[in-house]
């Protein structure tokens, strides 16, 4: 029982389930706890009071009178709540910033779905669709909302002669919620 936390665990277990520690165990526990008395936030003060109450009962033959549990220090509680509030504000700001980034870059779920669907429609227009290399979605220009979008971007792909060329494209599509698919509202333009 030389470690203070081991001592506290031992005493808690014995106080809850029994048997009560004997005088020798209580005196050893008291000496360990006294070494760490006043350590902030450890709960050793309360455990020391419980040990003293048991030693008093053994020495006097009177029943054990449990000490009152210490109440939380209001300043410490306020400090803890302040820290939690600041953490909450930081998290809220980060989430809000992420949402703003998605809105400004066209990074919403429907916009991304429109971009992916347009890539497939563009591939159908290419001579060598397997060679198509599209940029990151952030490079697309996406306009529209709801279920109708126009997406503009570029693709690097081989032409009929095998040369790799970059072509700009534009695609206007609409989402059919019933069919859960995208359909062209105008032919894909590929320059």
Protein backbone atom coordinates (compact mmCIF):
# COMPACT_ATOMS: atom_id res chain seq x y z
CA UNK A 1 0.00 0.00 0.00
CA UNK A 2 2.93 2.37 -0.56
CA UNK A 3 1.39 4.19 -3.54
CA UNK A 4 -1.31 6.72 -2.58
CA UNK A 5 -3.70 5.77 -5.38
CA UNK A 6 -3.35 2.08 -4.54
CA UNK A 7 -4.08 2.96 -0.92
CA UNK A 8 -7.21 4.90 -1.87
CA UNK A 9 -8.42 2.05 -4.10
CA UNK A 10 -7.77 -0.50 -1.34
CA UNK A 11 -9.63 1.59 1.23
CA UNK A 12 -12.57 2.31 -1.08
CA UNK A 13 -12.97 -1.39 -1.81
CA UNK A 14 -12.78 -2.35 1.86
CA UNK A 15 -15.14 0.46 2.96
CA UNK A 16 -17.72 -0.56 0.36
CA UNK A 17 -17.64 -4.34 0.52
CA UNK A 18 -15.78 -5.09 3.74
CA UNK A 19 -14.29 -6.39 5.79
CA UNK A 20 -13.28 -3.13 7.44
CA UNK A 21 -9.51 -2.60 7.53
CA UNK A 22 -7.88 -3.29 10.89
CA UNK A 23 -6.00 -0.73 13.00
CA UNK A 24 -2.60 -1.58 11.48
CA UNK A 25 -3.89 -1.24 7.89
CA UNK A 26 -5.59 2.05 8.75
CA UNK A 27 -2.43 3.47 10.36
CA UNK A 28 -0.30 2.49 7.35
CA UNK A 29 -2.87 4.04 5.01
CA UNK A 30 -2.94 7.21 7.11
CA UNK A 31 0.84 7.60 6.91
CA UNK A 32 0.78 7.20 3.11
CA UNK A 33 -2.07 9.69 2.76
CA UNK A 34 -0.41 12.20 5.08
CA UNK A 35 2.62 12.25 2.77
CA UNK A 36 0.37 13.44 -0.06
CA UNK A 37 -1.95 15.62 1.99
CA UNK A 38 -3.04 18.78 0.25
CA UNK A 39 -2.28 17.52 -3.25
CA UNK A 40 -4.88 19.41 -5.27
CA UNK A 41 -7.69 17.39 -6.81
CA UNK A 42 -6.61 14.05 -5.37
CA UNK A 43 -9.41 13.43 -2.87
CA UNK A 44 -6.80 12.33 -0.32
CA UNK A 45 -8.15 14.80 2.26
CA UNK A 46 -11.55 13.13 2.25
CA UNK A 47 -10.07 9.63 2.39
CA UNK A 48 -7.83 10.73 5.29
CA UNK A 49 -10.94 11.94 7.16
CA UNK A 50 -12.59 8.54 6.57
CA UNK A 51 -9.51 6.74 7.92
CA UNK A 52 -9.46 9.03 10.98
CA UNK A 53 -13.15 8.32 11.62
CA UNK A 54 -12.47 4.56 11.63
CA UNK A 55 -9.40 4.87 13.84
CA UNK A 56 -11.45 7.00 16.26
CA UNK A 57 -14.19 4.34 16.30
CA UNK A 58 -11.63 1.58 17.00
CA UNK A 59 -9.95 3.60 19.77
CA UNK A 60 -13.18 4.70 21.50
CA UNK A 61 -15.51 1.81 20.73
CA UNK A 62 -18.06 4.26 19.28
CA UNK A 63 -19.78 3.75 15.92
CA UNK A 64 -18.11 5.08 12.78
CA UNK A 65 -19.28 8.57 11.85
CA UNK A 66 -18.61 9.11 8.15
CA UNK A 67 -17.25 12.58 7.33
CA UNK A 68 -19.21 14.80 4.98
CA UNK A 69 -18.09 14.59 1.37
CA UNK A 70 -16.40 17.79 0.26
CA UNK A 71 -18.40 19.99 -2.06
CA UNK A 72 -16.89 21.07 -5.34
CA UNK A 73 -15.13 24.41 -5.17
CA UNK A 74 -17.32 26.91 -7.04
CA UNK A 75 -14.31 28.64 -8.56
CA UNK A 76 -12.99 25.32 -9.89
CA UNK A 77 -16.41 24.40 -11.30
CA UNK A 78 -16.72 27.82 -12.97
CA UNK A 79 -13.21 27.45 -14.40
CA UNK A 80 -14.05 24.01 -15.79
CA UNK A 81 -17.29 25.25 -17.33
CA UNK A 82 -15.45 28.18 -18.90
CA UNK A 83 -12.95 25.82 -20.50
CA UNK A 84 -15.79 23.64 -21.83
CA UNK A 85 -17.56 26.71 -23.22
CA UNK A 86 -14.42 27.85 -25.04
CA UNK A 87 -13.92 24.35 -26.47
CA UNK A 88 -17.55 24.33 -27.60
CA UNK A 89 -17.15 27.70 -29.33
CA UNK A 90 -13.98 26.56 -31.11
CA UNK A 91 -15.70 23.39 -32.35
CA UNK A 92 -18.75 25.37 -33.49
CA UNK A 93 -16.54 27.84 -35.35
CA UNK A 94 -14.66 25.01 -37.08
CA UNK A 95 -17.89 23.29 -38.15
CA UNK A 96 -19.32 26.59 -39.39
CA UNK A 97 -16.13 27.31 -41.31
CA UNK A 98 -16.24 23.88 -42.92
CA UNK A 99 -19.85 24.45 -43.98
CA UNK A 100 -18.94 27.87 -45.41
CA UNK A 101 -16.02 26.34 -47.31
CA UNK A 102 -18.32 23.70 -48.80
CA UNK A 103 -20.86 26.32 -49.88
CA UNK A 104 -18.30 28.65 -51.43
CA UNK A 105 -16.40 25.94 -53.29
CA UNK A 106 -19.51 24.13 -54.46
CA UNK A 107 -18.53 21.18 -52.29
CA UNK A 108 -22.03 20.10 -51.26
CA UNK A 109 -23.20 16.54 -51.79
CA UNK A 110 -25.46 17.41 -54.76
CA UNK A 111 -22.77 19.53 -56.41
CA UNK A 112 -20.26 16.71 -56.15
CA UNK A 113 -22.83 14.26 -57.48
CA UNK A 114 -23.47 16.59 -60.42
CA UNK A 115 -19.72 16.79 -61.11
CA UNK A 116 -19.30 13.01 -61.05
CA UNK A 117 -22.31 12.51 -63.32
CA UNK A 118 -20.99 15.12 -65.77
CA UNK A 119 -17.63 13.36 -65.92
CA UNK A 120 -19.44 10.21 -67.09
CA UNK A 121 -21.40 12.16 -69.73
CA UNK A 122 -18.16 13.81 -70.94
CA UNK A 123 -16.40 10.41 -71.20
CA UNK A 124 -19.15 9.25 -73.59
CA UNK A 125 -18.12 12.09 -75.97
CA UNK A 126 -14.40 11.20 -76.01
CA UNK A 127 -12.58 9.10 -78.63
CA UNK A 128 -10.51 7.37 -75.90
CA UNK A 129 -12.60 7.55 -72.68
CA UNK A 130 -10.23 5.21 -70.81
CA UNK A 131 -7.50 7.86 -71.07
CA UNK A 132 -9.66 10.61 -69.51
CA UNK A 133 -7.96 12.47 -66.65
CA UNK A 134 -10.22 14.95 -64.83
CA UNK A 135 -8.96 17.58 -62.35
CA UNK A 136 -9.92 17.74 -58.68
CA UNK A 137 -13.52 18.74 -58.10
CA UNK A 138 -12.40 22.10 -56.60
CA UNK A 139 -11.34 23.19 -60.11
CA UNK A 140 -14.88 22.82 -61.49
CA UNK A 141 -17.27 25.73 -61.79
CA UNK A 142 -20.64 24.56 -60.52
CA UNK A 143 -23.75 26.72 -60.83
CA UNK A 144 -27.35 25.96 -59.97
CA UNK A 145 -29.03 24.44 -56.97
CA UNK A 146 -31.68 21.98 -55.92
CA UNK A 147 -31.85 19.41 -58.69
CA UNK A 148 -30.46 21.38 -61.69
CA UNK A 149 -26.78 22.19 -62.18
CA UNK A 150 -24.35 23.30 -64.84
CA UNK A 151 -20.81 22.05 -64.36
CA UNK A 152 -17.79 23.37 -66.27
CA UNK A 153 -14.33 21.86 -66.25
CA UNK A 154 -11.62 20.32 -68.40
CA UNK A 155 -10.36 16.88 -69.24
CA UNK A 156 -7.03 15.59 -70.53
CA UNK A 157 -7.57 12.69 -72.96
CA UNK A 158 -6.14 11.20 -76.14
CA UNK A 159 -7.63 12.32 -79.42
CA UNK A 160 -8.13 10.14 -82.49
CA UNK A 161 -4.41 10.32 -83.33
CA UNK A 162 -3.28 9.28 -79.82
CA UNK A 163 -2.12 12.76 -78.81
CA UNK A 164 -2.99 13.86 -75.29
CA UNK A 165 -5.01 17.08 -75.45
CA UNK A 166 -6.88 19.22 -72.94
CA UNK A 167 -10.50 20.00 -73.72
CA UNK A 168 -12.85 22.33 -71.88
CA UNK A 169 -16.36 21.03 -71.33
CA UNK A 170 -19.73 22.16 -70.02
CA UNK A 171 -22.55 19.94 -68.86
CA UNK A 172 -26.11 20.85 -67.80
CA UNK A 173 -27.90 18.14 -65.84
CA UNK A 174 -30.90 17.51 -63.67
CA UNK A 175 -31.38 15.04 -60.85
CA UNK A 176 -34.40 12.76 -61.10
CA UNK A 177 -35.23 11.98 -57.46
CA UNK A 178 -37.63 9.16 -58.38
CA UNK A 179 -35.14 7.37 -60.60
CA UNK A 180 -32.21 8.46 -58.38
CA UNK A 181 -30.13 9.37 -61.44
CA UNK A 182 -28.82 12.38 -63.31
CA UNK A 183 -30.01 13.22 -66.84
CA UNK A 184 -28.69 15.73 -69.38
CA UNK A 185 -30.84 18.82 -69.91
CA UNK A 186 -28.65 19.95 -72.86
CA UNK A 187 -25.95 18.24 -74.92
CA UNK A 188 -22.43 18.21 -73.44
CA UNK A 189 -20.24 20.85 -75.05
CA UNK A 190 -16.64 19.75 -75.54
CA UNK A 191 -14.08 22.24 -76.98
